């Protein structure tokens, strides 16, 4: 079977085939939106590709948590997905569950924002508005320093990713928030605004 380029619709169907957990699906939609947003602001030609990779980056996580970033290769190879898509997805687990290092800019963005969206989501949900729409960078930075807050978020990975990208932390946080705002309703972060 030849390599085919997956559509967003096919990617979403595949995501739902392997994931039923609402929180994981919301996370997938969050990362998709942020990836598309970064593709836009970085003038990347293939925004669709960036979005699709963001959407399915945790494809194997719910069913195969102990094989995360490994099983996805098998699944997507069987589905006929292009190698660069598979490689990019595997690279987001670099140093944790994968030895595929993020090299392309798209891979570095995914590696950075995967954990960062978790911190931003947790910070937004604590606000009186429960919304990402009125969230500011300084609130995220404040929570960043509280190690016991959203303790599951690996801040070192975010730092390493930001360093790889050669961007300022506040800029990356702001643009991640901006990407999340575009889908605030879908990801349950519109809050009461």
N, C-alpha and C. Protein backbone atom coordinates (compact mmCIF):
# COMPACT_ATOMS: atom_id res chain seq x y z
N UNK A 1 0.84 -1.20 0.00
CA UNK A 1 0.00 0.00 0.00
C UNK A 1 0.87 1.25 0.00
N UNK A 2 0.57 2.17 -0.88
CA UNK A 2 1.35 3.40 -0.97
C UNK A 2 1.05 4.33 0.18
N UNK A 3 1.92 5.30 0.36
CA UNK A 3 1.71 6.29 1.41
C UNK A 3 0.62 7.26 0.99
N UNK A 4 -0.30 7.49 1.90
CA UNK A 4 -1.35 8.48 1.64
C UNK A 4 -1.25 9.56 2.69
N UNK A 5 -1.68 10.75 2.31
CA UNK A 5 -1.69 11.84 3.28
C UNK A 5 -3.05 11.87 3.94
N UNK A 6 -3.07 11.67 5.24
CA UNK A 6 -4.36 11.59 5.94
C UNK A 6 -5.08 12.94 5.95
N UNK A 7 -6.41 12.88 5.89
CA UNK A 7 -7.20 14.11 6.04
C UNK A 7 -7.46 14.32 7.52
N UNK A 8 -7.93 15.49 7.86
CA UNK A 8 -8.24 15.81 9.25
C UNK A 8 -9.37 14.88 9.73
N UNK A 9 -10.32 14.63 8.84
CA UNK A 9 -11.46 13.76 9.17
C UNK A 9 -10.98 12.34 9.48
N UNK A 10 -10.09 11.80 8.65
CA UNK A 10 -9.54 10.46 8.88
C UNK A 10 -8.76 10.42 10.19
N UNK A 11 -8.00 11.47 10.45
CA UNK A 11 -7.21 11.54 11.67
C UNK A 11 -8.12 11.52 12.91
N UNK A 12 -9.22 12.27 12.83
CA UNK A 12 -10.14 12.35 13.96
C UNK A 12 -10.85 11.02 14.18
N UNK A 13 -11.23 10.35 13.09
CA UNK A 13 -11.85 9.02 13.20
C UNK A 13 -10.89 8.03 13.88
N UNK A 14 -9.64 8.09 13.46
CA UNK A 14 -8.62 7.20 14.02
C UNK A 14 -8.42 7.50 15.51
N UNK A 15 -8.40 8.77 15.85
CA UNK A 15 -8.26 9.18 17.25
C UNK A 15 -9.39 8.57 18.08
N UNK A 16 -10.63 8.69 17.57
CA UNK A 16 -11.78 8.18 18.30
C UNK A 16 -11.82 6.65 18.35
N UNK A 17 -11.20 6.01 17.36
CA UNK A 17 -11.13 4.55 17.35
C UNK A 17 -10.27 4.05 18.52
N UNK A 18 -9.23 4.78 18.85
CA UNK A 18 -8.29 4.35 19.90
C UNK A 18 -8.48 5.07 21.23
N UNK A 19 -9.31 6.12 21.24
CA UNK A 19 -9.49 6.90 22.47
C UNK A 19 -10.95 7.22 22.72
N UNK A 20 -11.41 6.93 23.94
CA UNK A 20 -12.79 7.27 24.30
C UNK A 20 -12.81 8.27 25.46
N UNK A 21 -11.68 8.44 26.12
CA UNK A 21 -11.61 9.35 27.27
C UNK A 21 -11.77 10.80 26.80
N UNK A 22 -12.81 11.46 27.32
CA UNK A 22 -13.11 12.84 26.93
C UNK A 22 -11.94 13.79 27.16
N UNK A 23 -11.26 13.61 28.28
CA UNK A 23 -10.13 14.49 28.61
C UNK A 23 -9.01 14.33 27.59
N UNK A 24 -8.76 13.11 27.15
CA UNK A 24 -7.72 12.87 26.14
C UNK A 24 -8.12 13.47 24.79
N UNK A 25 -9.39 13.38 24.46
CA UNK A 25 -9.86 13.95 23.19
C UNK A 25 -9.77 15.48 23.24
N UNK A 26 -10.14 16.06 24.38
CA UNK A 26 -10.00 17.52 24.53
C UNK A 26 -8.53 17.95 24.43
N UNK A 27 -7.64 17.15 25.03
CA UNK A 27 -6.21 17.44 24.94
C UNK A 27 -5.74 17.37 23.48
N UNK A 28 -6.22 16.37 22.75
CA UNK A 28 -5.86 16.23 21.33
C UNK A 28 -6.31 17.45 20.53
N UNK A 29 -7.53 17.90 20.79
CA UNK A 29 -8.07 19.09 20.09
C UNK A 29 -7.30 20.35 20.47
N UNK A 30 -6.87 20.41 21.72
CA UNK A 30 -6.07 21.55 22.20
C UNK A 30 -4.74 21.60 21.46
N UNK A 31 -4.04 20.48 21.45
CA UNK A 31 -2.72 20.43 20.81
C UNK A 31 -2.85 20.67 19.30
N UNK A 32 -3.91 20.15 18.69
CA UNK A 32 -4.15 20.40 17.27
C UNK A 32 -4.26 21.90 17.01
N UNK A 33 -5.08 22.58 17.80
CA UNK A 33 -5.31 24.02 17.59
C UNK A 33 -4.02 24.83 17.78
N UNK A 34 -3.25 24.47 18.80
CA UNK A 34 -2.01 25.20 19.07
C UNK A 34 -0.98 24.93 17.97
N UNK A 35 -0.92 23.71 17.48
CA UNK A 35 -0.01 23.39 16.37
C UNK A 35 -0.39 24.19 15.12
N UNK A 36 -1.67 24.25 14.82
CA UNK A 36 -2.13 25.04 13.66
C UNK A 36 -1.76 26.51 13.84
N UNK A 37 -1.96 27.00 15.06
CA UNK A 37 -1.67 28.41 15.36
C UNK A 37 -0.18 28.70 15.16
N UNK A 38 0.68 27.84 15.68
CA UNK A 38 2.12 28.04 15.51
C UNK A 38 2.52 27.93 14.03
N UNK A 39 1.90 27.03 13.29
CA UNK A 39 2.20 26.91 11.85
C UNK A 39 1.87 28.24 11.15
N UNK A 40 0.77 28.86 11.59
CA UNK A 40 0.38 30.16 11.02
C UNK A 40 1.40 31.24 11.34
N UNK A 41 1.70 31.42 12.62
CA UNK A 41 2.57 32.53 13.01
C UNK A 41 4.02 32.32 12.58
N UNK A 42 4.41 31.06 12.34
CA UNK A 42 5.77 30.78 11.88
C UNK A 42 5.82 30.67 10.34
N UNK A 43 4.69 31.02 9.70
CA UNK A 43 4.59 30.98 8.23
C UNK A 43 4.96 29.63 7.63
N UNK A 44 4.51 28.57 8.29
CA UNK A 44 4.75 27.22 7.76
C UNK A 44 3.73 26.96 6.66
N UNK A 45 4.16 26.35 5.55
CA UNK A 45 3.23 26.14 4.43
C UNK A 45 2.13 25.12 4.71
N UNK A 46 2.44 24.07 5.50
CA UNK A 46 1.47 22.99 5.67
C UNK A 46 0.81 22.98 7.05
N UNK A 47 -0.11 23.93 7.25
CA UNK A 47 -0.81 24.05 8.53
C UNK A 47 -1.65 22.81 8.83
N UNK A 48 -2.19 22.22 7.76
CA UNK A 48 -3.02 21.02 7.91
C UNK A 48 -2.21 19.88 8.52
N UNK A 49 -1.01 19.68 8.01
CA UNK A 49 -0.12 18.64 8.51
C UNK A 49 0.19 18.88 9.99
N UNK A 50 0.53 20.11 10.34
CA UNK A 50 0.84 20.45 11.74
C UNK A 50 -0.35 20.12 12.64
N UNK A 51 -1.54 20.48 12.17
CA UNK A 51 -2.76 20.23 12.95
C UNK A 51 -3.03 18.75 13.14
N UNK A 52 -2.92 17.99 12.06
CA UNK A 52 -3.19 16.55 12.11
C UNK A 52 -2.21 15.85 13.06
N UNK A 53 -0.95 16.23 12.99
CA UNK A 53 0.05 15.63 13.87
C UNK A 53 -0.27 15.96 15.33
N UNK A 54 -0.69 17.19 15.59
CA UNK A 54 -1.11 17.57 16.93
C UNK A 54 -2.31 16.77 17.40
N UNK A 55 -3.25 16.57 16.49
CA UNK A 55 -4.49 15.86 16.82
C UNK A 55 -4.24 14.41 17.25
N UNK A 56 -3.34 13.72 16.57
CA UNK A 56 -3.15 12.30 16.87
C UNK A 56 -1.88 12.00 17.68
N UNK A 57 -1.24 13.02 18.24
CA UNK A 57 0.06 12.79 18.89
C UNK A 57 -0.02 11.79 20.05
N UNK A 58 -1.18 11.69 20.70
CA UNK A 58 -1.33 10.73 21.81
C UNK A 58 -2.21 9.54 21.42
N UNK A 59 -2.26 9.23 20.14
CA UNK A 59 -3.13 8.18 19.61
C UNK A 59 -3.07 6.88 20.42
N UNK A 60 -1.87 6.46 20.79
CA UNK A 60 -1.70 5.16 21.46
C UNK A 60 -1.74 5.25 22.99
N UNK A 61 -1.96 6.42 23.54
CA UNK A 61 -1.80 6.62 24.98
C UNK A 61 -2.87 5.91 25.83
N UNK A 62 -4.13 6.00 25.41
CA UNK A 62 -5.19 5.41 26.24
C UNK A 62 -5.13 3.88 26.27
N UNK A 63 -4.98 3.26 25.11
CA UNK A 63 -4.98 1.79 25.04
C UNK A 63 -3.63 1.16 25.36
N UNK A 64 -2.55 1.87 25.08
CA UNK A 64 -1.21 1.30 25.27
C UNK A 64 -0.30 2.25 26.05
N UNK A 65 -0.69 2.63 27.26
CA UNK A 65 0.10 3.63 28.00
C UNK A 65 1.55 3.21 28.23
N UNK A 66 1.77 1.91 28.36
CA UNK A 66 3.14 1.42 28.60
C UNK A 66 3.95 1.34 27.29
N UNK A 67 3.28 1.52 26.15
CA UNK A 67 3.96 1.50 24.85
C UNK A 67 3.77 2.83 24.12
N UNK A 68 3.51 3.88 24.91
CA UNK A 68 3.25 5.20 24.33
C UNK A 68 4.44 5.65 23.49
N UNK A 69 4.14 6.15 22.30
CA UNK A 69 5.13 6.60 21.30
C UNK A 69 5.80 5.44 20.57
N UNK A 70 5.52 4.20 20.98
CA UNK A 70 6.06 3.04 20.27
C UNK A 70 4.96 2.41 19.41
N UNK A 71 3.84 2.14 20.06
CA UNK A 71 2.71 1.47 19.40
C UNK A 71 2.16 2.33 18.24
N UNK A 72 2.26 3.63 18.39
CA UNK A 72 1.74 4.55 17.37
C UNK A 72 2.42 4.31 16.01
N UNK A 73 3.68 3.95 16.03
CA UNK A 73 4.40 3.67 14.78
C UNK A 73 3.73 2.49 14.05
N UNK A 74 3.46 1.46 14.81
CA UNK A 74 2.81 0.26 14.26
C UNK A 74 1.44 0.60 13.67
N UNK A 75 0.63 1.32 14.44
CA UNK A 75 -0.73 1.67 14.02
C UNK A 75 -0.70 2.52 12.75
N UNK A 76 0.11 3.57 12.75
CA UNK A 76 0.12 4.50 11.62
C UNK A 76 0.80 3.90 10.38
N UNK A 77 1.74 3.00 10.58
CA UNK A 77 2.37 2.31 9.45
C UNK A 77 1.31 1.44 8.76
N UNK A 78 0.52 0.72 9.56
CA UNK A 78 -0.57 -0.10 9.02
C UNK A 78 -1.59 0.74 8.28
N UNK A 79 -1.81 1.97 8.76
CA UNK A 79 -2.78 2.88 8.14
C UNK A 79 -2.20 3.56 6.90
N UNK A 80 -0.88 3.33 6.64
CA UNK A 80 -0.25 3.92 5.46
C UNK A 80 0.15 5.38 5.60
N UNK A 81 0.34 5.82 6.84
CA UNK A 81 0.71 7.22 7.06
C UNK A 81 2.16 7.48 6.66
N UNK A 82 2.47 8.70 6.23
CA UNK A 82 3.85 9.04 5.85
C UNK A 82 4.82 8.97 7.03
N UNK A 83 6.04 8.59 6.73
CA UNK A 83 7.09 8.44 7.74
C UNK A 83 7.32 9.73 8.54
N UNK A 84 7.30 10.88 7.86
CA UNK A 84 7.59 12.12 8.60
C UNK A 84 6.50 12.46 9.63
N UNK A 85 5.27 12.05 9.38
CA UNK A 85 4.19 12.23 10.35
C UNK A 85 4.48 11.35 11.57
N UNK A 86 4.81 10.09 11.30
CA UNK A 86 5.05 9.13 12.37
C UNK A 86 6.24 9.56 13.23
N UNK A 87 7.30 9.98 12.56
CA UNK A 87 8.51 10.43 13.25
C UNK A 87 8.21 11.63 14.16
N UNK A 88 7.46 12.58 13.62
CA UNK A 88 7.12 13.79 14.39
C UNK A 88 6.33 13.42 15.65
N UNK A 89 5.37 12.51 15.50
CA UNK A 89 4.55 12.08 16.64
C UNK A 89 5.43 11.38 17.68
N UNK A 90 6.30 10.51 17.23
CA UNK A 90 7.17 9.80 18.18
C UNK A 90 8.11 10.76 18.92
N UNK A 91 8.51 11.83 18.25
CA UNK A 91 9.50 12.75 18.84
C UNK A 91 8.97 13.53 20.04
N UNK A 92 7.63 13.60 20.20
CA UNK A 92 7.13 14.38 21.34
C UNK A 92 7.39 13.67 22.67
N UNK A 93 7.74 12.39 22.60
CA UNK A 93 8.03 11.65 23.83
C UNK A 93 9.53 11.49 24.08
N UNK A 94 10.33 12.28 23.35
CA UNK A 94 11.78 12.17 23.44
C UNK A 94 12.28 12.25 24.88
N UNK A 95 13.10 11.28 25.24
CA UNK A 95 13.69 11.27 26.58
C UNK A 95 12.77 10.71 27.65
N UNK A 96 11.52 10.42 27.29
CA UNK A 96 10.57 9.87 28.27
C UNK A 96 10.17 8.46 27.83
N UNK A 97 9.59 8.40 26.62
CA UNK A 97 9.14 7.09 26.12
C UNK A 97 9.57 6.89 24.68
N UNK A 98 10.48 7.73 24.22
CA UNK A 98 10.94 7.64 22.83
C UNK A 98 12.37 8.13 22.73
N UNK A 99 13.14 7.54 21.81
CA UNK A 99 14.50 8.03 21.62
C UNK A 99 14.60 8.82 20.30
N UNK A 100 13.42 9.20 19.76
CA UNK A 100 13.38 10.01 18.54
C UNK A 100 13.46 11.48 18.95
N UNK A 101 14.59 12.10 18.62
CA UNK A 101 14.81 13.49 19.02
C UNK A 101 14.09 14.47 18.09
N UNK A 102 13.42 15.48 18.65
CA UNK A 102 12.79 16.49 17.80
C UNK A 102 13.85 17.28 17.03
N UNK A 103 13.77 17.25 15.70
CA UNK A 103 14.75 17.95 14.88
C UNK A 103 14.07 19.04 14.05
N UNK A 104 12.98 18.69 13.39
CA UNK A 104 12.24 19.67 12.59
C UNK A 104 11.56 20.68 13.51
N UNK A 105 11.31 21.88 12.99
CA UNK A 105 10.65 22.90 13.81
C UNK A 105 9.28 22.42 14.31
N UNK A 106 8.56 21.73 13.45
CA UNK A 106 7.25 21.20 13.85
C UNK A 106 7.37 20.25 15.05
N UNK A 107 8.40 19.42 15.03
CA UNK A 107 8.61 18.46 16.12
C UNK A 107 8.95 19.19 17.41
N UNK A 108 9.74 20.22 17.31
CA UNK A 108 10.14 21.00 18.49
C UNK A 108 8.94 21.72 19.10
N UNK A 109 8.07 22.24 18.24
CA UNK A 109 6.87 22.91 18.74
C UNK A 109 5.98 21.90 19.46
N UNK A 110 5.75 20.74 18.85
CA UNK A 110 4.92 19.72 19.48
C UNK A 110 5.49 19.29 20.83
N UNK A 111 6.78 19.06 20.86
CA UNK A 111 7.48 18.65 22.09
C UNK A 111 7.27 19.69 23.21
N UNK A 112 7.32 20.97 22.84
CA UNK A 112 7.21 22.06 23.80
C UNK A 112 5.79 22.27 24.29
N UNK A 113 4.85 22.31 23.37
CA UNK A 113 3.49 22.73 23.75
C UNK A 113 2.64 21.61 24.32
N UNK A 114 3.03 20.36 24.13
CA UNK A 114 2.25 19.24 24.67
C UNK A 114 2.09 19.39 26.18
N UNK A 115 3.20 19.57 26.88
CA UNK A 115 3.15 19.75 28.34
C UNK A 115 2.60 21.14 28.71
N UNK A 116 2.98 22.13 27.92
CA UNK A 116 2.58 23.51 28.23
C UNK A 116 1.07 23.68 28.20
N UNK A 117 0.39 23.02 27.26
CA UNK A 117 -1.08 23.14 27.21
C UNK A 117 -1.70 22.59 28.50
N UNK A 118 -1.06 21.59 29.09
CA UNK A 118 -1.56 21.04 30.36
C UNK A 118 -1.48 22.05 31.48
N UNK A 119 -0.36 22.76 31.55
CA UNK A 119 -0.18 23.80 32.58
C UNK A 119 -1.17 24.95 32.37
N UNK A 120 -1.35 25.34 31.12
CA UNK A 120 -2.27 26.44 30.80
C UNK A 120 -3.71 26.03 31.12
N UNK A 121 -4.09 24.81 30.78
CA UNK A 121 -5.44 24.32 31.08
C UNK A 121 -5.68 24.34 32.58
N UNK A 122 -4.75 23.80 33.36
CA UNK A 122 -4.90 23.76 34.82
C UNK A 122 -4.99 25.18 35.40
N UNK A 123 -4.19 26.09 34.88
CA UNK A 123 -4.21 27.48 35.35
C UNK A 123 -5.55 28.13 35.02
N UNK A 124 -6.04 27.92 33.81
CA UNK A 124 -7.31 28.52 33.39
C UNK A 124 -8.47 28.01 34.24
N UNK A 125 -8.48 26.71 34.55
CA UNK A 125 -9.58 26.13 35.31
C UNK A 125 -9.64 26.63 36.74
N UNK A 126 -8.54 27.15 37.24
CA UNK A 126 -8.51 27.69 38.60
C UNK A 126 -9.07 29.11 38.69
N UNK A 127 -9.16 29.77 37.56
CA UNK A 127 -9.62 31.16 37.54
C UNK A 127 -11.11 31.25 37.85
N UNK A 128 -11.57 32.38 38.39
CA UNK A 128 -13.01 32.54 38.62
C UNK A 128 -13.81 32.32 37.33
N UNK A 129 -13.25 32.75 36.20
CA UNK A 129 -13.95 32.62 34.91
C UNK A 129 -13.88 31.20 34.35
N UNK A 130 -12.93 30.38 34.86
CA UNK A 130 -12.67 29.04 34.32
C UNK A 130 -12.44 29.10 32.80
N UNK A 131 -11.77 30.15 32.35
CA UNK A 131 -11.62 30.39 30.92
C UNK A 131 -10.19 30.70 30.52
N UNK A 132 -9.87 30.32 29.28
CA UNK A 132 -8.57 30.64 28.70
C UNK A 132 -8.66 32.02 28.01
N UNK A 133 -9.87 32.53 27.84
CA UNK A 133 -10.07 33.76 27.09
C UNK A 133 -9.55 35.00 27.82
N UNK A 134 -9.53 34.96 29.15
CA UNK A 134 -9.01 36.12 29.90
C UNK A 134 -7.72 35.78 30.65
N UNK A 135 -7.10 34.65 30.26
CA UNK A 135 -5.88 34.20 30.92
C UNK A 135 -4.68 35.00 30.43
N UNK A 136 -3.82 35.39 31.37
CA UNK A 136 -2.63 36.15 31.00
C UNK A 136 -1.37 35.34 31.30
N UNK A 137 -0.31 35.68 30.57
CA UNK A 137 0.98 35.00 30.71
C UNK A 137 1.46 35.03 32.16
N UNK A 138 1.28 36.16 32.83
CA UNK A 138 1.80 36.28 34.21
C UNK A 138 1.13 35.26 35.15
N UNK A 139 -0.13 34.94 34.91
CA UNK A 139 -0.81 33.93 35.74
C UNK A 139 -0.18 32.55 35.54
N UNK A 140 0.15 32.24 34.29
CA UNK A 140 0.78 30.96 33.97
C UNK A 140 2.18 30.90 34.60
N UNK A 141 2.92 32.00 34.49
CA UNK A 141 4.27 32.05 35.08
C UNK A 141 4.23 31.88 36.59
N UNK A 142 3.21 32.45 37.21
CA UNK A 142 3.05 32.33 38.66
C UNK A 142 2.85 30.87 39.06
N UNK A 143 1.99 30.18 38.31
CA UNK A 143 1.71 28.77 38.58
C UNK A 143 2.91 27.89 38.20
N UNK A 144 3.66 28.32 37.21
CA UNK A 144 4.86 27.59 36.77
C UNK A 144 5.80 27.40 37.95
N UNK A 145 5.95 28.44 38.75
CA UNK A 145 6.89 28.43 39.88
C UNK A 145 6.42 27.54 41.03
N UNK A 146 5.11 27.28 41.11
CA UNK A 146 4.58 26.44 42.19
C UNK A 146 4.70 24.97 41.76
N UNK A 147 5.75 24.33 42.20
CA UNK A 147 6.04 22.96 41.75
C UNK A 147 4.94 21.96 42.09
N UNK A 148 4.19 22.22 43.16
CA UNK A 148 3.12 21.29 43.54
C UNK A 148 1.85 21.52 42.72
N UNK A 149 1.79 22.64 41.99
CA UNK A 149 0.63 22.91 41.13
C UNK A 149 0.82 22.18 39.81
N UNK A 150 -0.22 21.43 39.38
CA UNK A 150 -0.13 20.64 38.14
C UNK A 150 1.20 19.90 38.12
N UNK A 151 1.44 19.15 39.17
CA UNK A 151 2.73 18.47 39.38
C UNK A 151 3.06 17.49 38.26
N UNK A 152 2.05 17.03 37.55
CA UNK A 152 2.28 16.10 36.45
C UNK A 152 2.89 16.76 35.21
N UNK A 153 2.86 18.08 35.19
CA UNK A 153 3.41 18.82 34.03
C UNK A 153 4.92 18.91 34.18
N UNK A 154 5.63 18.39 33.21
CA UNK A 154 7.09 18.40 33.24
C UNK A 154 7.62 19.72 32.70
N UNK A 155 7.94 20.61 33.62
CA UNK A 155 8.41 21.94 33.23
C UNK A 155 9.77 21.91 32.54
N UNK A 156 10.59 20.90 32.89
CA UNK A 156 11.90 20.77 32.26
C UNK A 156 11.78 20.52 30.76
N UNK A 157 10.78 19.74 30.38
CA UNK A 157 10.55 19.46 28.97
C UNK A 157 10.16 20.74 28.25
N UNK A 158 9.27 21.51 28.86
CA UNK A 158 8.84 22.77 28.25
C UNK A 158 10.06 23.68 28.06
N UNK A 159 10.88 23.79 29.11
CA UNK A 159 12.10 24.61 29.05
C UNK A 159 13.02 24.15 27.93
N UNK A 160 13.24 22.85 27.87
CA UNK A 160 14.13 22.28 26.85
C UNK A 160 13.59 22.59 25.45
N UNK A 161 12.27 22.44 25.30
CA UNK A 161 11.63 22.71 24.01
C UNK A 161 11.77 24.17 23.60
N UNK A 162 11.52 25.07 24.55
CA UNK A 162 11.62 26.51 24.28
C UNK A 162 13.05 26.85 23.86
N UNK A 163 13.99 26.24 24.55
CA UNK A 163 15.41 26.44 24.22
C UNK A 163 15.71 25.95 22.80
N UNK A 164 15.19 24.76 22.45
CA UNK A 164 15.39 24.20 21.10
C UNK A 164 14.82 25.13 20.03
N UNK A 165 13.70 25.76 20.37
CA UNK A 165 13.05 26.65 19.41
C UNK A 165 13.75 28.01 19.32
N UNK A 166 14.51 28.34 20.36
CA UNK A 166 15.19 29.63 20.38
C UNK A 166 14.23 30.80 20.53
N UNK A 167 13.15 30.57 21.28
CA UNK A 167 12.15 31.62 21.48
C UNK A 167 12.09 32.01 22.96
N UNK A 168 11.47 33.14 23.24
CA UNK A 168 11.28 33.59 24.62
C UNK A 168 10.13 32.81 25.26
N UNK A 169 10.28 32.47 26.52
CA UNK A 169 9.23 31.71 27.22
C UNK A 169 7.89 32.44 27.21
N UNK A 170 7.89 33.71 27.53
CA UNK A 170 6.61 34.45 27.56
C UNK A 170 5.91 34.44 26.20
N UNK A 171 6.70 34.52 25.14
CA UNK A 171 6.14 34.49 23.78
C UNK A 171 5.48 33.14 23.52
N UNK A 172 6.17 32.06 23.87
CA UNK A 172 5.64 30.72 23.63
C UNK A 172 4.36 30.50 24.45
N UNK A 173 4.36 30.96 25.70
CA UNK A 173 3.16 30.83 26.54
C UNK A 173 2.01 31.63 25.93
N UNK A 174 2.28 32.88 25.55
CA UNK A 174 1.23 33.74 24.97
C UNK A 174 0.65 33.13 23.70
N UNK A 175 1.50 32.64 22.82
CA UNK A 175 1.01 32.08 21.56
C UNK A 175 0.29 30.75 21.77
N UNK A 176 0.69 30.01 22.79
CA UNK A 176 -0.02 28.77 23.11
C UNK A 176 -1.43 29.12 23.62
N UNK A 177 -1.51 30.13 24.47
CA UNK A 177 -2.82 30.62 24.94
C UNK A 177 -3.66 31.07 23.73
N UNK A 178 -3.04 31.84 22.83
CA UNK A 178 -3.77 32.33 21.65
C UNK A 178 -4.32 31.18 20.81
N UNK A 179 -3.53 30.14 20.64
CA UNK A 179 -3.99 28.97 19.90
C UNK A 179 -5.15 28.28 20.59
N UNK A 180 -5.08 28.19 21.91
CA UNK A 180 -6.14 27.54 22.69
C UNK A 180 -7.43 28.35 22.67
N UNK A 181 -7.31 29.67 22.60
CA UNK A 181 -8.50 30.54 22.56
C UNK A 181 -9.36 30.25 21.34
N UNK A 182 -8.71 29.85 20.25
CA UNK A 182 -9.45 29.60 19.00
C UNK A 182 -10.43 28.43 19.13
N UNK A 183 -10.18 27.54 20.09
CA UNK A 183 -11.07 26.38 20.28
C UNK A 183 -11.57 26.31 21.73
N UNK A 184 -11.60 27.45 22.39
CA UNK A 184 -11.96 27.49 23.82
C UNK A 184 -13.24 26.71 24.13
N UNK A 185 -14.24 26.88 23.28
CA UNK A 185 -15.53 26.21 23.49
C UNK A 185 -15.38 24.69 23.38
N UNK A 186 -14.77 24.23 22.29
CA UNK A 186 -14.59 22.79 22.05
C UNK A 186 -13.80 22.09 23.16
N UNK A 187 -12.84 22.80 23.76
CA UNK A 187 -11.97 22.16 24.75
C UNK A 187 -12.41 22.44 26.19
N UNK A 188 -13.59 23.04 26.33
CA UNK A 188 -14.17 23.27 27.65
C UNK A 188 -13.48 24.38 28.44
N UNK A 189 -12.87 25.34 27.72
CA UNK A 189 -12.19 26.44 28.43
C UNK A 189 -12.74 27.81 28.07
N UNK A 190 -13.99 27.83 27.63
CA UNK A 190 -14.64 29.12 27.39
C UNK A 190 -15.08 29.69 28.74
N UNK A 191 -15.34 28.78 29.67
CA UNK A 191 -15.75 29.19 31.02
C UNK A 191 -17.03 29.97 31.00
N UNK A 192 -17.16 30.93 31.91
CA UNK A 192 -18.41 31.68 31.97
C UNK A 192 -18.29 33.05 31.33
N UNK A 193 -17.35 33.19 30.41
CA UNK A 193 -17.19 34.47 29.70
C UNK A 193 -18.10 34.52 28.48
